[in-house]
Protein backbone atom coordinates (compact mmCIF):
# COMPACT_ATOMS: atom_id res chain seq x y z
CA MET A 1 117.64 84.40 103.83
CA HIS A 2 114.34 85.58 102.45
CA PHE A 3 112.58 88.73 103.56
CA ALA A 4 109.25 90.29 102.66
CA TYR A 5 108.06 93.83 102.82
CA HIS A 6 104.44 94.76 102.79
CA LEU A 7 103.64 98.10 101.17
CA HIS A 8 100.71 100.47 101.68
CA LEU A 9 100.09 103.88 100.20
CA ALA A 10 100.96 106.60 102.68
CA PRO A 11 97.94 107.72 104.71
CA GLY A 12 95.80 110.31 102.94
CA LEU A 13 97.45 109.75 99.55
CA GLY A 14 95.02 109.24 96.70
CA GLY A 15 93.44 110.74 93.63
CA ASP A 16 95.27 113.77 92.25
CA GLU A 17 97.96 113.57 94.95
CA LEU A 18 98.80 110.04 93.88
CA ALA A 19 98.81 111.00 90.19
CA ALA A 20 101.38 113.69 91.00
CA LYS A 21 103.63 110.96 92.46
CA ALA A 22 103.76 109.01 89.16
CA PRO A 23 107.49 109.71 88.60
CA ILE A 24 108.29 108.26 92.03
CA LEU A 25 106.16 105.20 91.32
CA GLU A 26 107.98 104.73 88.01
CA ARG A 27 111.31 104.80 89.89
CA HIS A 28 109.87 102.32 92.42
CA TYR A 29 109.02 99.92 89.58
CA ALA A 30 112.44 100.39 87.93
CA TYR A 31 114.19 99.78 91.29
CA LEU A 32 112.33 96.51 91.86
CA SER A 33 112.79 95.48 88.23
CA ASP A 34 116.55 95.98 88.54
CA LEU A 35 116.65 93.93 91.77
CA CYS A 36 114.66 91.21 90.02
CA ASP A 37 117.05 91.19 87.06
CA ARG A 38 119.96 90.83 89.51
CA GLY A 39 118.32 87.84 91.22
CA VAL A 40 117.60 89.65 94.50
CA VAL A 41 113.80 89.91 94.21
CA THR A 42 111.91 86.62 94.09
CA LEU A 43 108.55 88.24 93.40
CA ALA A 44 106.85 91.60 93.62
CA GLY A 45 103.30 92.66 92.99
CA ARG A 46 100.20 94.38 94.27
CA ALA A 47 96.60 93.62 94.98
CA GLU A 48 94.34 94.36 92.02
CA ASP A 49 92.49 96.93 94.14
CA THR A 50 95.87 98.56 94.98
CA SER A 51 95.23 98.14 98.72
CA PHE A 52 98.70 96.68 99.29
CA GLY A 53 101.83 95.40 97.62
CA ILE A 54 104.40 92.82 98.61
CA VAL A 55 108.03 92.21 97.73
CA ILE A 56 109.81 88.95 98.58
CA PHE A 57 113.55 89.06 98.23
CA GLU A 58 116.87 87.61 99.37
CA ALA A 59 119.45 89.30 101.59
CA ASP A 60 122.27 88.08 103.80
CA SER A 61 121.19 89.99 106.91
CA ILE A 62 118.46 92.14 108.38
CA GLU A 63 120.73 95.14 107.88
CA GLU A 64 121.07 94.43 104.16
CA ALA A 65 117.33 93.82 103.91
CA THR A 66 116.61 97.11 105.66
CA GLY A 67 118.87 98.89 103.18
CA ILE A 68 116.96 97.37 100.27
CA VAL A 69 113.63 98.53 101.68
CA GLU A 70 114.94 102.00 102.52
CA GLY A 71 116.40 102.24 99.01
CA ASP A 72 112.98 101.80 97.41
CA PRO A 73 112.08 105.26 96.03
CA ALA A 74 108.41 104.90 97.05
CA VAL A 75 109.46 104.23 100.65
CA ALA A 76 112.30 106.76 100.72
CA GLU A 77 110.03 109.52 99.40
CA HIS A 78 107.12 108.60 101.72
CA VAL A 79 104.68 107.62 98.97
CA MET A 80 104.39 104.17 100.58
CA THR A 81 104.95 102.75 104.02
CA ALA A 82 106.70 99.42 104.38
CA GLU A 83 106.80 96.72 107.01
CA LEU A 84 109.79 94.36 106.76
CA LYS A 85 109.68 90.78 108.03
CA GLU A 86 111.94 87.77 107.77
CA PHE A 87 110.11 85.38 105.44
CA ARG A 88 110.20 81.62 105.25
CA LEU A 89 109.61 80.51 101.67
CA ALA A 90 107.78 77.16 101.85
CA LEU A 91 106.64 76.48 98.29
CA LEU A 92 107.65 77.90 94.93
CA LYS A 93 106.28 76.93 91.57
CA SER A 94 108.98 75.30 89.48
CA GLY A 95 109.59 75.92 85.81
């Protein structure tokens, strides 16, 4: 099954406060990179204006998917909020 989680910066977080969270954001990137390397994450990215991010990934159940989202350092440490949805992948570029 595919799932997607939509990420937003936590309310009120910006500027110097966000810069202070750089180590958490680095762990967030490393976490997603590891999941990608293991074939769990299909794609991950953010809007160029940083207004939101999205992660599309595979999991066997909603419980497993919830664990993946809650394991994201940016979510766990309240730098970002996440909304998890079951996702139906319709088209994927080949090659």
